[in-house]
């Protein structure tokens, strides 16, 4: 697989990860891509979930949220 199959450029920030606020005076992290500049495709999301599951990434965060 190649990168275009795993992620696409964020159209809102054009890959910078930063957008201007409505008043055009301040910059903020792009809400669509969470400041990364790229959005994972469905294949990318599946690979990310697989890696997180088998490396234990994010599991501790989920456990802390459970009552």
C-alpha atoms as a PDB file:
ATOM      1  CA  UNK A   1       0.000   0.000   0.000  1.00  0.00           C
ATOM      2  CA  UNK A   2       1.077   3.557  -0.606  1.00  0.00           C
ATOM      3  CA  UNK A   3       0.335   6.722   1.371  1.00  0.00           C
ATOM      4  CA  UNK A   4      -2.474   7.887  -0.952  1.00  0.00           C
ATOM      5  CA  UNK A   5      -4.303   4.663  -0.104  1.00  0.00           C
ATOM      6  CA  UNK A   6      -3.907   5.271   3.645  1.00  0.00           C
ATOM      7  CA  UNK A   7      -4.434   9.014   4.026  1.00  0.00           C
ATOM      8  CA  UNK A   8      -5.635  12.039   2.077  1.00  0.00           C
ATOM      9  CA  UNK A   9      -4.773  15.714   2.283  1.00  0.00           C
ATOM     10  CA  UNK A  10      -7.147  17.675   4.503  1.00  0.00           C
ATOM     11  CA  UNK A  11      -9.131  20.025   2.258  1.00  0.00           C
ATOM     12  CA  UNK A  12      -9.939  22.467   5.032  1.00  0.00           C
ATOM     13  CA  UNK A  13      -6.332  23.358   5.968  1.00  0.00           C
ATOM     14  CA  UNK A  14      -4.610  22.102   2.769  1.00  0.00           C
ATOM     15  CA  UNK A  15      -2.191  19.961   4.767  1.00  0.00           C
ATOM     16  CA  UNK A  16      -0.926  22.666   7.117  1.00  0.00           C
ATOM     17  CA  UNK A  17      -2.937  21.506  10.142  1.00  0.00           C
ATOM     18  CA  UNK A  18      -3.750  25.130  10.996  1.00  0.00           C
ATOM     19  CA  UNK A  19      -6.685  27.327   9.956  1.00  0.00           C
ATOM     20  CA  UNK A  20      -7.658  30.914  10.641  1.00  0.00           C
ATOM     21  CA  UNK A  21     -10.459  31.627  13.082  1.00  0.00           C
ATOM     22  CA  UNK A  22     -13.569  33.491  11.904  1.00  0.00           C
ATOM     23  CA  UNK A  23     -12.127  36.881  12.903  1.00  0.00           C
ATOM     24  CA  UNK A  24      -9.000  36.120  10.791  1.00  0.00           C
ATOM     25  CA  UNK A  25      -6.792  37.379  13.608  1.00  0.00           C
ATOM     26  CA  UNK A  26      -5.787  34.116  15.231  1.00  0.00           C
ATOM     27  CA  UNK A  27      -4.813  30.670  14.051  1.00  0.00           C
ATOM     28  CA  UNK A  28      -6.143  27.409  15.470  1.00  0.00           C
ATOM     29  CA  UNK A  29      -5.670  23.690  14.989  1.00  0.00           C
ATOM     30  CA  UNK A  30      -7.797  22.339  12.142  1.00  0.00           C
ATOM     31  CA  UNK A  31     -10.811  20.503  13.615  1.00  0.00           C
ATOM     32  CA  UNK A  32     -11.190  18.193  10.601  1.00  0.00           C
ATOM     33  CA  UNK A  33      -7.715  16.626  10.815  1.00  0.00           C
ATOM     34  CA  UNK A  34      -6.866  17.457  14.452  1.00  0.00           C
ATOM     35  CA  UNK A  35      -3.881  19.501  13.325  1.00  0.00           C
ATOM     36  CA  UNK A  36      -2.213  16.703  11.348  1.00  0.00           C
ATOM     37  CA  UNK A  37      -2.949  17.985   7.855  1.00  0.00           C
ATOM     38  CA  UNK A  38      -3.936  14.518   6.671  1.00  0.00           C
ATOM     39  CA  UNK A  39      -7.077  12.421   7.152  1.00  0.00           C
ATOM     40  CA  UNK A  40      -6.853   8.607   7.216  1.00  0.00           C
ATOM     41  CA  UNK A  41      -8.844   6.665   4.617  1.00  0.00           C
ATOM     42  CA  UNK A  42     -10.918   3.634   5.631  1.00  0.00           C
ATOM     43  CA  UNK A  43      -7.878   1.390   5.003  1.00  0.00           C
ATOM     44  CA  UNK A  44      -5.737   3.782   7.024  1.00  0.00           C
ATOM     45  CA  UNK A  45      -8.213   3.698   9.915  1.00  0.00           C
ATOM     46  CA  UNK A  46      -8.189  -0.121   9.921  1.00  0.00           C
ATOM     47  CA  UNK A  47      -4.378  -0.258   9.983  1.00  0.00           C
ATOM     48  CA  UNK A  48      -4.245   2.387  12.720  1.00  0.00           C
ATOM     49  CA  UNK A  49      -6.767   0.448  14.837  1.00  0.00           C
ATOM     50  CA  UNK A  50      -4.765  -2.761  14.321  1.00  0.00           C
ATOM     51  CA  UNK A  51      -1.488  -1.124  15.368  1.00  0.00           C
ATOM     52  CA  UNK A  52      -3.090   0.554  18.390  1.00  0.00           C
ATOM     53  CA  UNK A  53      -4.650  -2.737  19.480  1.00  0.00           C
ATOM     54  CA  UNK A  54      -1.483  -4.809  19.180  1.00  0.00           C
ATOM     55  CA  UNK A  55       0.910  -2.221  20.560  1.00  0.00           C
ATOM     56  CA  UNK A  56      -1.411  -1.256  23.410  1.00  0.00           C
ATOM     57  CA  UNK A  57      -1.666   2.360  22.300  1.00  0.00           C
ATOM     58  CA  UNK A  58      -4.818   4.088  23.514  1.00  0.00           C
ATOM     59  CA  UNK A  59      -5.985   1.162  25.636  1.00  0.00           C
ATOM     60  CA  UNK A  60      -4.930   2.866  28.894  1.00  0.00           C
ATOM     61  CA  UNK A  61      -6.897   5.973  27.933  1.00  0.00           C
ATOM     62  CA  UNK A  62     -10.062   3.905  27.348  1.00  0.00           C
ATOM     63  CA  UNK A  63      -9.616   2.063  30.682  1.00  0.00           C
ATOM     64  CA  UNK A  64      -9.386   5.363  32.576  1.00  0.00           C
ATOM     65  CA  UNK A  65     -12.687   6.553  31.072  1.00  0.00           C
ATOM     66  CA  UNK A  66     -14.548   3.381  32.130  1.00  0.00           C
ATOM     67  CA  UNK A  67     -16.470   3.658  35.439  1.00  0.00           C
END
